[in-house]
């Protein structure tokens, strides 16, 4: 009986050793595969990092390219002419020629906006903007409805025109404030459009 048990134990030990070797090989293969992926990801990250000698799309106008300014540790846009300061360790770009600088983060592909320092745009600003647009318009429109002018009058069109003008004027004020906040180069876009149209003609 013992002579039968001994070969079985020996074969069992061989099988367990074989399984251990296979598990070690698979673990080392998985480890090398994982390390290869990590190495590729690291190389890709290093390649796509925001650095001094690179050229990137402008986060303000989305039209021009920003690159290093000669003899200065700053970047400038070829289209909107905005000047930016950089923080390569944190991959940040900050607008330098604005009273409250806008800041963006480079994620390897594009710029992601970060809230202004000390300024947070919340729902209260949106509610205020909507009230600024619609409240005066509602007041003027209510006056037109409560005190209608006869159709025979020469100025019968004036209340409606005044209501529309009130709405458009307040809407323009809000749009202008948004443009000023984000420093959007609207006049440069108009000039570029004129240039294109003149070239077509």
N, C-alpha and C. Protein backbone atom coordinates (compact mmCIF):
# COMPACT_ATOMS: atom_id res chain seq x y z
N UNK A 1 0.83 -1.22 0.00
CA UNK A 1 0.00 0.00 0.00
C UNK A 1 0.86 1.26 0.00
N UNK A 2 1.91 1.23 0.84
CA UNK A 2 2.82 2.39 0.92
C UNK A 2 3.55 2.61 -0.38
N UNK A 3 3.84 1.50 -1.07
CA UNK A 3 4.54 1.61 -2.36
C UNK A 3 3.67 2.29 -3.42
N UNK A 4 2.34 2.21 -3.26
CA UNK A 4 1.42 2.87 -4.20
C UNK A 4 1.27 4.35 -3.86
N UNK A 5 1.26 4.66 -2.55
CA UNK A 5 1.05 6.04 -2.08
C UNK A 5 2.24 6.93 -2.43
N UNK A 6 3.47 6.39 -2.33
CA UNK A 6 4.69 7.21 -2.54
C UNK A 6 4.74 7.79 -3.95
N UNK A 7 4.47 7.00 -5.03
CA UNK A 7 4.48 7.61 -6.38
C UNK A 7 3.42 8.67 -6.57
N UNK A 8 2.23 8.42 -5.90
CA UNK A 8 1.15 9.41 -6.01
C UNK A 8 1.59 10.73 -5.39
N UNK A 9 2.22 10.67 -4.20
CA UNK A 9 2.69 11.89 -3.52
C UNK A 9 3.74 12.59 -4.36
N UNK A 10 4.64 11.79 -4.96
CA UNK A 10 5.71 12.36 -5.80
C UNK A 10 5.12 13.08 -7.01
N UNK A 11 4.14 12.43 -7.67
CA UNK A 11 3.53 13.06 -8.84
C UNK A 11 2.75 14.32 -8.45
N UNK A 12 2.13 14.29 -7.27
CA UNK A 12 1.39 15.47 -6.79
C UNK A 12 2.34 16.64 -6.56
N UNK A 13 3.49 16.35 -5.99
CA UNK A 13 4.50 17.40 -5.76
C UNK A 13 4.99 17.98 -7.08
N UNK A 14 5.17 17.11 -8.08
CA UNK A 14 5.63 17.58 -9.40
C UNK A 14 4.60 18.51 -10.04
N UNK A 15 3.31 18.08 -9.91
CA UNK A 15 2.24 18.90 -10.47
C UNK A 15 2.18 20.26 -9.80
N UNK A 16 2.30 20.28 -8.45
CA UNK A 16 2.25 21.56 -7.72
C UNK A 16 3.41 22.45 -8.10
N UNK A 17 4.61 21.83 -8.30
CA UNK A 17 5.76 22.63 -8.73
C UNK A 17 5.54 23.22 -10.12
N UNK A 18 4.97 22.40 -10.99
CA UNK A 18 4.70 22.84 -12.36
C UNK A 18 3.70 24.02 -12.36
N UNK A 19 2.68 23.91 -11.51
CA UNK A 19 1.68 24.98 -11.41
C UNK A 19 2.30 26.27 -10.88
N UNK A 20 3.19 26.13 -9.88
CA UNK A 20 3.88 27.31 -9.33
C UNK A 20 4.73 27.99 -10.40
N UNK A 21 5.44 27.19 -11.18
CA UNK A 21 6.27 27.75 -12.26
C UNK A 21 5.41 28.48 -13.29
N UNK A 22 4.28 27.88 -13.63
CA UNK A 22 3.38 28.51 -14.60
C UNK A 22 2.83 29.83 -14.07
N UNK A 23 2.46 29.85 -12.78
CA UNK A 23 1.94 31.09 -12.18
C UNK A 23 3.00 32.17 -12.14
N UNK A 24 4.25 31.79 -11.86
CA UNK A 24 5.34 32.77 -11.85
C UNK A 24 5.55 33.37 -13.24
N UNK A 25 5.51 32.48 -14.26
CA UNK A 25 5.71 32.94 -15.64
C UNK A 25 4.60 33.91 -16.05
N UNK A 26 3.33 33.52 -15.71
CA UNK A 26 2.20 34.40 -16.07
C UNK A 26 2.26 35.73 -15.33
N UNK A 27 2.67 35.69 -14.03
CA UNK A 27 2.79 36.94 -13.26
C UNK A 27 3.86 37.84 -13.84
N UNK A 28 5.01 37.26 -14.20
CA UNK A 28 6.09 38.07 -14.78
C UNK A 28 5.66 38.64 -16.14
N UNK A 29 4.90 37.82 -16.90
CA UNK A 29 4.41 38.30 -18.20
C UNK A 29 3.46 39.47 -18.02
N UNK A 30 2.53 39.33 -17.03
CA UNK A 30 1.58 40.42 -16.76
C UNK A 30 2.28 41.66 -16.26
N UNK A 31 3.31 41.43 -15.41
CA UNK A 31 4.06 42.57 -14.88
C UNK A 31 4.78 43.31 -15.99
N UNK A 32 5.41 42.55 -16.90
CA UNK A 32 6.13 43.19 -18.01
C UNK A 32 5.15 43.91 -18.95
N UNK A 33 3.95 43.31 -19.11
CA UNK A 33 2.94 43.95 -19.95
C UNK A 33 2.47 45.26 -19.33
N UNK A 34 2.21 45.20 -18.01
CA UNK A 34 1.77 46.41 -17.30
C UNK A 34 2.84 47.49 -17.32
N UNK A 35 4.09 47.09 -17.07
CA UNK A 35 5.18 48.07 -17.07
C UNK A 35 5.35 48.69 -18.45
N UNK A 36 5.12 47.88 -19.51
CA UNK A 36 5.20 48.42 -20.86
C UNK A 36 4.14 49.46 -21.13
N UNK A 37 2.92 49.19 -20.67
CA UNK A 37 1.82 50.15 -20.83
C UNK A 37 2.11 51.42 -20.05
N UNK A 38 2.59 51.24 -18.79
CA UNK A 38 2.93 52.41 -17.97
C UNK A 38 4.02 53.24 -18.62
N UNK A 39 5.01 52.55 -19.22
CA UNK A 39 6.10 53.27 -19.88
C UNK A 39 5.59 54.06 -21.07
N UNK A 40 4.70 53.43 -21.85
CA UNK A 40 4.12 54.13 -23.01
C UNK A 40 3.30 55.34 -22.57
N UNK A 41 2.51 55.16 -21.49
CA UNK A 41 1.71 56.27 -20.98
C UNK A 41 2.60 57.41 -20.49
N UNK A 42 3.69 57.03 -19.82
CA UNK A 42 4.63 58.05 -19.32
C UNK A 42 5.27 58.80 -20.48
N UNK A 43 5.68 58.05 -21.53
CA UNK A 43 6.29 58.70 -22.69
C UNK A 43 5.30 59.62 -23.39
N UNK A 44 4.03 59.16 -23.49
CA UNK A 44 3.00 59.99 -24.13
C UNK A 44 2.76 61.27 -23.33
N UNK A 45 2.73 61.12 -22.00
CA UNK A 45 2.52 62.29 -21.13
C UNK A 45 3.66 63.28 -21.27
N UNK A 46 4.89 62.78 -21.27
CA UNK A 46 6.05 63.66 -21.42
C UNK A 46 6.05 64.36 -22.77
N UNK A 47 5.63 63.61 -23.82
CA UNK A 47 5.62 64.16 -25.17
C UNK A 47 4.58 65.27 -25.30
N UNK A 48 3.45 65.12 -24.61
CA UNK A 48 2.35 66.07 -24.74
C UNK A 48 2.30 67.11 -23.62
N UNK A 49 3.33 67.19 -22.84
CA UNK A 49 3.36 68.19 -21.77
C UNK A 49 3.50 69.59 -22.35
N UNK A 50 2.99 70.55 -21.61
CA UNK A 50 3.11 71.97 -21.97
C UNK A 50 4.53 72.41 -21.63
N UNK A 51 5.30 72.84 -22.64
CA UNK A 51 6.69 73.22 -22.41
C UNK A 51 7.02 74.49 -23.19
N UNK A 52 8.21 75.01 -22.95
CA UNK A 52 8.60 76.33 -23.44
C UNK A 52 8.69 76.40 -24.96
N UNK A 53 9.16 75.36 -25.61
CA UNK A 53 9.42 75.41 -27.05
C UNK A 53 8.23 74.95 -27.89
N UNK A 54 7.11 74.68 -27.26
CA UNK A 54 5.96 74.18 -28.00
C UNK A 54 5.10 75.30 -28.58
N UNK A 55 4.17 74.90 -29.45
CA UNK A 55 3.21 75.84 -30.04
C UNK A 55 1.81 75.25 -29.83
N UNK A 56 0.92 76.06 -29.28
CA UNK A 56 -0.39 75.55 -28.86
C UNK A 56 -1.50 76.48 -29.34
N UNK A 57 -2.71 75.94 -29.40
CA UNK A 57 -3.86 76.76 -29.78
C UNK A 57 -4.15 77.76 -28.67
N UNK A 58 -4.62 78.93 -29.06
CA UNK A 58 -4.91 79.98 -28.08
C UNK A 58 -6.23 79.66 -27.36
N UNK A 59 -6.25 79.66 -26.03
CA UNK A 59 -7.49 79.35 -25.31
C UNK A 59 -8.50 80.49 -25.31
N UNK A 60 -8.08 81.68 -25.75
CA UNK A 60 -8.99 82.84 -25.75
C UNK A 60 -9.75 82.92 -27.07
N UNK A 61 -9.02 83.08 -28.18
CA UNK A 61 -9.68 83.28 -29.48
C UNK A 61 -9.94 81.97 -30.22
N UNK A 62 -9.26 80.87 -29.83
CA UNK A 62 -9.41 79.58 -30.48
C UNK A 62 -9.06 79.62 -31.97
N UNK A 63 -8.34 80.64 -32.38
CA UNK A 63 -8.01 80.80 -33.80
C UNK A 63 -6.49 80.85 -34.02
N UNK A 64 -5.82 81.65 -33.20
CA UNK A 64 -4.37 81.80 -33.34
C UNK A 64 -3.60 80.74 -32.58
N UNK A 65 -2.28 80.84 -32.67
CA UNK A 65 -1.36 79.93 -31.97
C UNK A 65 -0.54 80.72 -30.96
N UNK A 66 -0.32 80.14 -29.78
CA UNK A 66 0.53 80.78 -28.79
C UNK A 66 1.89 80.10 -28.77
N UNK A 67 2.92 80.91 -28.64
CA UNK A 67 4.29 80.40 -28.60
C UNK A 67 5.14 81.36 -27.77
N UNK A 68 6.37 80.96 -27.51
CA UNK A 68 7.28 81.75 -26.68
C UNK A 68 7.60 83.10 -27.33
N UNK A 69 7.58 84.15 -26.54
CA UNK A 69 7.99 85.47 -27.03
C UNK A 69 9.52 85.57 -26.98
N UNK A 70 10.14 86.18 -27.97
CA UNK A 70 11.60 86.30 -27.98
C UNK A 70 12.12 87.07 -26.77
N UNK A 71 13.16 86.51 -26.15
CA UNK A 71 13.85 87.13 -25.01
C UNK A 71 12.94 87.39 -23.81
N UNK A 72 11.84 86.65 -23.72
CA UNK A 72 10.92 86.81 -22.59
C UNK A 72 10.41 85.45 -22.15
N UNK A 73 10.15 85.33 -20.85
CA UNK A 73 9.57 84.10 -20.32
C UNK A 73 8.05 84.22 -20.33
N UNK A 74 7.50 84.41 -21.50
CA UNK A 74 6.05 84.58 -21.65
C UNK A 74 5.64 84.07 -23.02
N UNK A 75 4.34 83.85 -23.18
CA UNK A 75 3.77 83.40 -24.44
C UNK A 75 2.85 84.49 -24.99
N UNK A 76 2.68 84.52 -26.30
CA UNK A 76 1.75 85.46 -26.92
C UNK A 76 1.02 84.77 -28.06
N UNK A 77 -0.18 85.28 -28.37
CA UNK A 77 -0.99 84.70 -29.45
C UNK A 77 -0.71 85.43 -30.75
N UNK A 78 -0.66 84.66 -31.83
CA UNK A 78 -0.39 85.24 -33.15
C UNK A 78 -1.60 85.97 -33.72
N UNK A 79 -2.80 85.74 -33.16
CA UNK A 79 -4.01 86.36 -33.70
C UNK A 79 -4.55 87.46 -32.79
N UNK A 80 -4.88 87.12 -31.53
CA UNK A 80 -5.50 88.12 -30.64
C UNK A 80 -4.47 88.94 -29.86
N UNK A 81 -3.19 88.60 -29.95
CA UNK A 81 -2.09 89.37 -29.35
C UNK A 81 -2.11 89.38 -27.82
N UNK A 82 -2.88 88.49 -27.18
CA UNK A 82 -2.86 88.43 -25.72
C UNK A 82 -1.53 87.85 -25.25
N UNK A 83 -1.10 88.29 -24.06
CA UNK A 83 0.16 87.83 -23.47
C UNK A 83 -0.17 86.93 -22.27
N UNK A 84 0.57 85.84 -22.14
CA UNK A 84 0.32 84.86 -21.09
C UNK A 84 1.60 84.56 -20.31
N UNK A 85 1.44 84.33 -19.02
CA UNK A 85 2.53 83.80 -18.20
C UNK A 85 2.30 82.30 -18.01
N UNK A 86 3.38 81.58 -17.71
CA UNK A 86 3.29 80.12 -17.68
C UNK A 86 3.75 79.55 -16.35
N UNK A 87 3.25 78.36 -16.04
CA UNK A 87 3.73 77.56 -14.93
C UNK A 87 3.82 76.13 -15.44
N UNK A 88 5.01 75.74 -15.89
CA UNK A 88 5.19 74.44 -16.53
C UNK A 88 5.08 73.29 -15.54
N UNK A 89 5.43 73.51 -14.28
CA UNK A 89 5.33 72.45 -13.27
C UNK A 89 3.87 72.04 -13.07
N UNK A 90 3.00 73.03 -13.02
CA UNK A 90 1.56 72.76 -12.81
C UNK A 90 0.78 72.73 -14.12
N UNK A 91 1.50 72.95 -15.26
CA UNK A 91 0.87 72.93 -16.60
C UNK A 91 -0.23 73.99 -16.71
N UNK A 92 0.06 75.19 -16.22
CA UNK A 92 -0.91 76.28 -16.20
C UNK A 92 -0.50 77.41 -17.13
N UNK A 93 -1.51 78.06 -17.70
CA UNK A 93 -1.32 79.24 -18.53
C UNK A 93 -2.23 80.34 -17.99
N UNK A 94 -1.65 81.51 -17.73
CA UNK A 94 -2.42 82.61 -17.12
C UNK A 94 -2.32 83.86 -17.99
N UNK A 95 -3.47 84.49 -18.23
CA UNK A 95 -3.46 85.72 -19.03
C UNK A 95 -2.84 86.85 -18.22
N UNK A 96 -1.85 87.52 -18.81
CA UNK A 96 -1.12 88.56 -18.08
C UNK A 96 -1.65 89.95 -18.34
N UNK A 97 -2.30 90.17 -19.48
CA UNK A 97 -2.74 91.53 -19.85
C UNK A 97 -4.22 91.75 -19.53
N UNK A 98 -4.68 91.18 -18.44
CA UNK A 98 -6.06 91.37 -17.98
C UNK A 98 -6.03 91.76 -16.51
N UNK A 99 -7.02 92.55 -16.09
CA UNK A 99 -7.06 93.01 -14.70
C UNK A 99 -7.22 91.84 -13.73
N UNK A 100 -8.11 90.91 -14.09
CA UNK A 100 -8.29 89.67 -13.32
C UNK A 100 -7.96 88.50 -14.24
N UNK A 101 -6.73 87.98 -14.18
CA UNK A 101 -6.27 87.03 -15.19
C UNK A 101 -7.09 85.74 -15.22
N UNK A 102 -7.38 85.30 -16.43
CA UNK A 102 -7.97 83.97 -16.63
C UNK A 102 -6.85 82.94 -16.61
N UNK A 103 -7.18 81.72 -16.16
CA UNK A 103 -6.19 80.66 -16.06
C UNK A 103 -6.72 79.40 -16.72
N UNK A 104 -5.82 78.69 -17.42
CA UNK A 104 -6.18 77.44 -18.08
C UNK A 104 -5.18 76.36 -17.70
N UNK A 105 -5.67 75.11 -17.73
CA UNK A 105 -4.83 73.94 -17.45
C UNK A 105 -4.69 73.10 -18.72
N UNK A 106 -3.46 72.68 -19.04
CA UNK A 106 -3.19 71.87 -20.22
C UNK A 106 -3.31 70.39 -19.84
N UNK A 107 -4.25 69.66 -20.48
CA UNK A 107 -4.47 68.25 -20.13
C UNK A 107 -3.77 67.29 -21.09
N UNK A 108 -2.89 67.82 -21.94
CA UNK A 108 -2.17 66.98 -22.90
C UNK A 108 -2.72 67.09 -24.30
N UNK A 109 -3.97 67.56 -24.42
CA UNK A 109 -4.59 67.72 -25.73
C UNK A 109 -5.14 69.12 -25.96
N UNK A 110 -5.76 69.67 -24.92
CA UNK A 110 -6.40 70.97 -25.06
C UNK A 110 -6.38 71.71 -23.73
N UNK A 111 -6.84 72.97 -23.75
CA UNK A 111 -6.88 73.79 -22.55
C UNK A 111 -8.21 73.63 -21.83
N UNK A 112 -8.15 73.53 -20.51
CA UNK A 112 -9.35 73.48 -19.67
C UNK A 112 -9.37 74.72 -18.79
N UNK A 113 -10.48 75.45 -18.83
CA UNK A 113 -10.58 76.69 -18.06
C UNK A 113 -10.65 76.45 -16.57
N UNK A 114 -10.02 77.34 -15.81
CA UNK A 114 -10.08 77.34 -14.35
C UNK A 114 -10.69 78.66 -13.93
N UNK A 115 -11.50 78.63 -12.85
CA UNK A 115 -12.15 79.85 -12.38
C UNK A 115 -11.12 80.91 -12.02
N UNK A 116 -11.50 82.15 -12.22
CA UNK A 116 -10.61 83.26 -11.84
C UNK A 116 -10.36 83.24 -10.35
N UNK A 117 -9.16 83.68 -9.98
CA UNK A 117 -8.80 83.75 -8.58
C UNK A 117 -9.65 84.80 -7.86
N UNK A 118 -10.37 84.35 -6.83
CA UNK A 118 -11.19 85.27 -6.05
C UNK A 118 -12.51 85.61 -6.69
N UNK A 119 -12.82 85.02 -7.86
CA UNK A 119 -14.09 85.31 -8.54
C UNK A 119 -14.75 83.98 -8.90
N UNK A 120 -15.98 83.81 -8.48
CA UNK A 120 -16.73 82.61 -8.79
C UNK A 120 -18.06 82.99 -9.42
N UNK A 121 -18.26 82.56 -10.66
CA UNK A 121 -19.49 82.86 -11.37
C UNK A 121 -20.51 81.78 -11.04
N UNK A 122 -21.57 82.15 -10.31
CA UNK A 122 -22.59 81.18 -9.90
C UNK A 122 -23.95 81.52 -10.47
N UNK A 123 -24.97 80.86 -9.90
CA UNK A 123 -26.35 81.06 -10.36
C UNK A 123 -26.83 82.48 -10.10
N UNK A 124 -26.29 83.12 -9.07
CA UNK A 124 -26.73 84.48 -8.74
C UNK A 124 -26.46 85.45 -9.89
N UNK A 125 -25.30 85.27 -10.59
CA UNK A 125 -24.98 86.12 -11.73
C UNK A 125 -25.95 85.89 -12.89
N UNK A 126 -26.30 84.62 -13.11
CA UNK A 126 -27.25 84.30 -14.18
C UNK A 126 -28.62 84.89 -13.89
N UNK A 127 -29.08 84.76 -12.64
CA UNK A 127 -30.38 85.32 -12.25
C UNK A 127 -30.37 86.84 -12.39
N UNK A 128 -29.26 87.46 -11.97
CA UNK A 128 -29.15 88.92 -12.09
C UNK A 128 -29.19 89.34 -13.56
N UNK A 129 -28.49 88.61 -14.42
CA UNK A 129 -28.46 88.94 -15.86
C UNK A 129 -29.85 88.82 -16.48
N UNK A 130 -30.56 87.74 -16.15
CA UNK A 130 -31.91 87.56 -16.69
C UNK A 130 -32.86 88.65 -16.19
N UNK A 131 -32.72 89.00 -14.89
CA UNK A 131 -33.54 90.08 -14.34
C UNK A 131 -33.23 91.41 -14.99
N UNK A 132 -31.94 91.64 -15.24
CA UNK A 132 -31.51 92.89 -15.89
C UNK A 132 -32.08 93.02 -17.30
N UNK A 133 -32.24 91.87 -17.98
CA UNK A 133 -32.77 91.89 -19.35
C UNK A 133 -34.30 92.00 -19.36
N UNK A 134 -34.95 91.14 -18.58
CA UNK A 134 -36.41 91.00 -18.72
C UNK A 134 -37.23 91.94 -17.84
N UNK A 135 -36.70 92.39 -16.70
CA UNK A 135 -37.50 93.25 -15.82
C UNK A 135 -37.80 94.61 -16.46
N UNK A 136 -36.80 95.34 -16.98
CA UNK A 136 -37.12 96.61 -17.66
C UNK A 136 -38.03 96.41 -18.88
N UNK A 137 -37.79 95.30 -19.62
CA UNK A 137 -38.63 95.02 -20.78
C UNK A 137 -40.08 94.79 -20.36
N UNK A 138 -40.26 94.07 -19.24
CA UNK A 138 -41.62 93.80 -18.74
C UNK A 138 -42.30 95.09 -18.28
N UNK A 139 -41.53 95.99 -17.66
CA UNK A 139 -42.11 97.27 -17.20
C UNK A 139 -42.58 98.10 -18.39
N UNK A 140 -41.74 98.22 -19.39
CA UNK A 140 -42.10 99.01 -20.59
C UNK A 140 -43.27 98.35 -21.32
N UNK A 141 -43.21 97.01 -21.44
CA UNK A 141 -44.29 96.30 -22.12
C UNK A 141 -45.62 96.41 -21.38
N UNK A 142 -45.56 96.40 -20.03
CA UNK A 142 -46.79 96.56 -19.23
C UNK A 142 -47.40 97.94 -19.45
N UNK A 143 -46.55 98.96 -19.55
CA UNK A 143 -47.04 100.30 -19.82
C UNK A 143 -47.74 100.37 -21.16
N UNK A 144 -47.18 99.66 -22.16
CA UNK A 144 -47.80 99.64 -23.48
C UNK A 144 -49.16 98.93 -23.43
N UNK A 145 -49.25 97.88 -22.61
CA UNK A 145 -50.50 97.12 -22.52
C UNK A 145 -51.56 97.86 -21.72
N UNK A 146 -51.14 98.51 -20.61
CA UNK A 146 -52.10 99.20 -19.74
C UNK A 146 -52.59 100.52 -20.33
N UNK A 147 -51.70 101.17 -21.07
CA UNK A 147 -52.06 102.47 -21.66
C UNK A 147 -51.86 102.42 -23.17
N UNK A 148 -52.71 101.69 -23.86
CA UNK A 148 -52.53 101.53 -25.32
C UNK A 148 -52.79 102.83 -26.06
N UNK A 149 -52.08 102.98 -27.16
CA UNK A 149 -52.26 104.15 -28.02
C UNK A 149 -53.18 103.75 -29.17
N UNK A 150 -54.03 104.65 -29.55
CA UNK A 150 -54.98 104.39 -30.63
C UNK A 150 -54.23 104.14 -31.94
N UNK A 151 -54.76 103.23 -32.73
CA UNK A 151 -54.15 102.91 -34.02
C UNK A 151 -54.17 104.08 -35.00
N UNK A 152 -55.07 105.03 -34.73
CA UNK A 152 -55.14 106.20 -35.60
C UNK A 152 -54.02 107.19 -35.33
N UNK A 153 -53.35 107.02 -34.16
CA UNK A 153 -52.29 107.96 -33.78
C UNK A 153 -51.07 107.80 -34.68
N UNK A 154 -50.35 108.90 -34.85
CA UNK A 154 -49.14 108.89 -35.68
C UNK A 154 -48.03 108.04 -35.03
N UNK A 155 -48.00 108.00 -33.68
CA UNK A 155 -46.95 107.27 -32.95
C UNK A 155 -47.47 105.95 -32.37
N UNK A 156 -48.39 105.30 -33.05
CA UNK A 156 -48.94 104.04 -32.53
C UNK A 156 -47.88 102.94 -32.45
N UNK A 157 -46.84 103.05 -33.27
CA UNK A 157 -45.77 102.05 -33.32
C UNK A 157 -44.71 102.25 -32.23
N UNK A 158 -44.73 103.44 -31.60
CA UNK A 158 -43.63 103.79 -30.69
C UNK A 158 -43.54 102.88 -29.46
N UNK A 159 -44.64 102.54 -28.75
CA UNK A 159 -44.51 101.68 -27.55
C UNK A 159 -43.88 100.32 -27.85
N UNK A 160 -44.31 99.68 -28.94
CA UNK A 160 -43.72 98.39 -29.30
C UNK A 160 -42.25 98.53 -29.65
N UNK A 161 -41.91 99.56 -30.41
CA UNK A 161 -40.51 99.79 -30.77
C UNK A 161 -39.67 100.07 -29.53
N UNK A 162 -40.23 100.82 -28.58
CA UNK A 162 -39.50 101.14 -27.35
C UNK A 162 -39.28 99.88 -26.51
N UNK A 163 -40.27 98.98 -26.47
CA UNK A 163 -40.13 97.72 -25.74
C UNK A 163 -39.03 96.86 -26.35
N UNK A 164 -39.03 96.74 -27.67
CA UNK A 164 -37.99 95.95 -28.36
C UNK A 164 -36.62 96.57 -28.16
N UNK A 165 -36.55 97.89 -28.22
CA UNK A 165 -35.27 98.57 -28.02
C UNK A 165 -34.76 98.37 -26.60
N UNK A 166 -35.65 98.39 -25.62
CA UNK A 166 -35.27 98.16 -24.22
C UNK A 166 -34.67 96.76 -24.05
N UNK A 167 -35.34 95.77 -24.64
CA UNK A 167 -34.84 94.40 -24.56
C UNK A 167 -33.46 94.27 -25.21
N UNK A 168 -33.33 94.78 -26.43
CA UNK A 168 -32.07 94.65 -27.17
C UNK A 168 -30.92 95.38 -26.47
N UNK A 169 -31.21 96.55 -25.91
CA UNK A 169 -30.16 97.33 -25.24
C UNK A 169 -29.63 96.61 -24.01
N UNK A 170 -30.54 96.08 -23.18
CA UNK A 170 -30.11 95.36 -21.97
C UNK A 170 -29.42 94.04 -22.31
N UNK A 171 -29.89 93.38 -23.36
CA UNK A 171 -29.22 92.15 -23.80
C UNK A 171 -27.81 92.45 -24.28
N UNK A 172 -27.64 93.54 -25.03
CA UNK A 172 -26.32 93.94 -25.51
C UNK A 172 -25.38 94.23 -24.34
N UNK A 173 -25.89 94.87 -23.29
CA UNK A 173 -25.05 95.15 -22.10
C UNK A 173 -24.54 93.87 -21.46
N UNK A 174 -25.42 92.87 -21.34
CA UNK A 174 -25.01 91.59 -20.73
C UNK A 174 -23.98 90.89 -21.61
N UNK A 175 -24.23 90.86 -22.93
CA UNK A 175 -23.28 90.22 -23.85
C UNK A 175 -21.92 90.92 -23.80
N UNK A 176 -21.94 92.26 -23.73
CA UNK A 176 -20.68 93.00 -23.66
C UNK A 176 -19.90 92.68 -22.38
N UNK A 177 -20.62 92.53 -21.26
CA UNK A 177 -19.96 92.17 -20.00
C UNK A 177 -19.33 90.78 -20.07
N UNK A 178 -20.03 89.84 -20.72
CA UNK A 178 -19.49 88.49 -20.89
C UNK A 178 -18.22 88.52 -21.75
N UNK A 179 -18.26 89.30 -22.84
CA UNK A 179 -17.09 89.43 -23.72
C UNK A 179 -15.91 90.04 -22.97
N UNK A 180 -16.18 91.05 -22.16
CA UNK A 180 -15.11 91.69 -21.38
C UNK A 180 -14.56 90.74 -20.32
N UNK A 181 -15.44 89.94 -19.74
CA UNK A 181 -15.00 89.00 -18.70
C UNK A 181 -14.04 87.96 -19.27
N UNK A 182 -14.42 87.40 -20.43
CA UNK A 182 -13.61 86.36 -21.04
C UNK A 182 -12.57 86.89 -22.01
N UNK A 183 -12.51 88.23 -22.16
CA UNK A 183 -11.52 88.87 -23.03
C UNK A 183 -11.57 88.30 -24.45
N UNK A 184 -12.78 88.08 -24.95
CA UNK A 184 -12.94 87.53 -26.30
C UNK A 184 -12.65 88.62 -27.33
N UNK A 185 -11.73 88.38 -28.27
CA UNK A 185 -11.32 89.43 -29.23
C UNK A 185 -12.30 89.60 -30.38
N UNK A 186 -13.46 90.16 -30.09
CA UNK A 186 -14.52 90.27 -31.10
C UNK A 186 -14.11 91.19 -32.25
N UNK A 187 -13.40 92.30 -31.93
CA UNK A 187 -13.00 93.25 -32.98
C UNK A 187 -11.97 92.65 -33.92
N UNK A 188 -11.08 91.80 -33.39
CA UNK A 188 -10.11 91.13 -34.24
C UNK A 188 -10.79 90.15 -35.19
N UNK A 189 -11.84 89.50 -34.71
CA UNK A 189 -12.60 88.60 -35.57
C UNK A 189 -13.30 89.37 -36.69
N UNK A 190 -13.84 90.55 -36.35
CA UNK A 190 -14.49 91.38 -37.37
C UNK A 190 -13.46 91.82 -38.42
N UNK A 191 -12.26 92.21 -37.94
CA UNK A 191 -11.20 92.62 -38.88
C UNK A 191 -10.78 91.46 -39.78
N UNK A 192 -10.65 90.27 -39.18
CA UNK A 192 -10.25 89.09 -39.96
C UNK A 192 -11.32 88.75 -40.99
N UNK A 193 -12.59 88.90 -40.62
CA UNK A 193 -13.68 88.65 -41.56
C UNK A 193 -13.66 89.64 -42.71
N UNK A 194 -13.41 90.93 -42.39
CA UNK A 194 -13.31 91.95 -43.44
C UNK A 194 -12.16 91.63 -44.40
N UNK A 195 -11.03 91.17 -43.81
CA UNK A 195 -9.87 90.83 -44.62
C UNK A 195 -10.20 89.70 -45.61
N UNK A 196 -10.90 88.67 -45.09
CA UNK A 196 -11.28 87.53 -45.94
C UNK A 196 -12.22 87.98 -47.06
N UNK A 197 -13.19 88.83 -46.70
CA UNK A 197 -14.14 89.30 -47.70
C UNK A 197 -13.45 90.14 -48.77
N UNK A 198 -12.47 90.98 -48.35
CA UNK A 198 -11.74 91.79 -49.33
C UNK A 198 -10.90 90.93 -50.27
N UNK A 199 -10.35 89.81 -49.72
CA UNK A 199 -9.57 88.91 -50.56
C UNK A 199 -10.47 88.17 -51.57
N UNK A 200 -11.70 87.86 -51.14
CA UNK A 200 -12.64 87.20 -52.05
C UNK A 200 -13.03 88.13 -53.19
N UNK A 201 -13.27 89.41 -52.85
CA UNK A 201 -13.63 90.41 -53.87
C UNK A 201 -12.45 90.66 -54.82
